[in-house]
């Protein structure tokens, strides 16, 4: 199933399941529809392009509602997702919907805090960490668990906000100040856990943090996305704007580090020369 086919069915799901629309806001405002669509489909493409083998063992850490894992299962991948909070209770209904269109049995899931039940050593070829890494605290403990769970040639596939974005940083500061780590009570685990409070970081900081656990970011897989504002995206120009963004971040360091919203990268145990 292609990304476009999946997205069309995903919209049908949202129309029939209002429990998802408070998080997925595609139907809320037609003026920002193309803007939101492009962001999600770019990220799905990024992940799919870095999973060459459908037999690989994949862990989706922080899978949320399971959207990415469902898409991968429909394409023959085997993915185990872990999540916390309210997302978990919505997954069975989603799987009933998506089972109409293909085999979703490759997606398994559990309600888990990775610090309580880390995977066995060398158990995964790929670990997807999407909109999650900035929530994990203590961060170095989380990165150690990821490193140990990876097989020797395994990769972390990381999809994040760009912590260097000056607009987003201003919004977050106004919302939470410098309180970047908080403690919350998880009712299902019945315990307090630490949580990164939208503790986003820029690429240089992620590189330093990963290096402390012997993990290396691969330069050739770094990607910045989402620069232009929502009002610029129309149904007849979205692809052209994406192409312009792809050229801009590769040519202009100031724009990519300070004004692009999204940051995707992969990392592994062994460095790759020249990003190859």
Foldseek 3Di string as FASTA:
>chain_A
DALVVLVVLVVVVCVVDVVCCVPVVLPPDVLQNLVSSVVVSVLLVLVVVPCPDQAFEEEEEACQLVSSLQVSVQVNHAYEYEHADDSVVNNVVVCVSSVVPGDSVSYHYDHDDCVVPQDAFQQGQEYEYEQHQLWDPPNLVVLLSVQRNHHQNHKYKYKHWAPQAPVVVVVLCVVPNPCQKDWDAGVVVRGIDITGPSRHYHPVVVQVSNVVNQKHWQVVSKDFDDFDDSNVDDPPCSVVVRVVRRVVVVVPVCCRNHGGTIIIIMMHNDYDPPSD
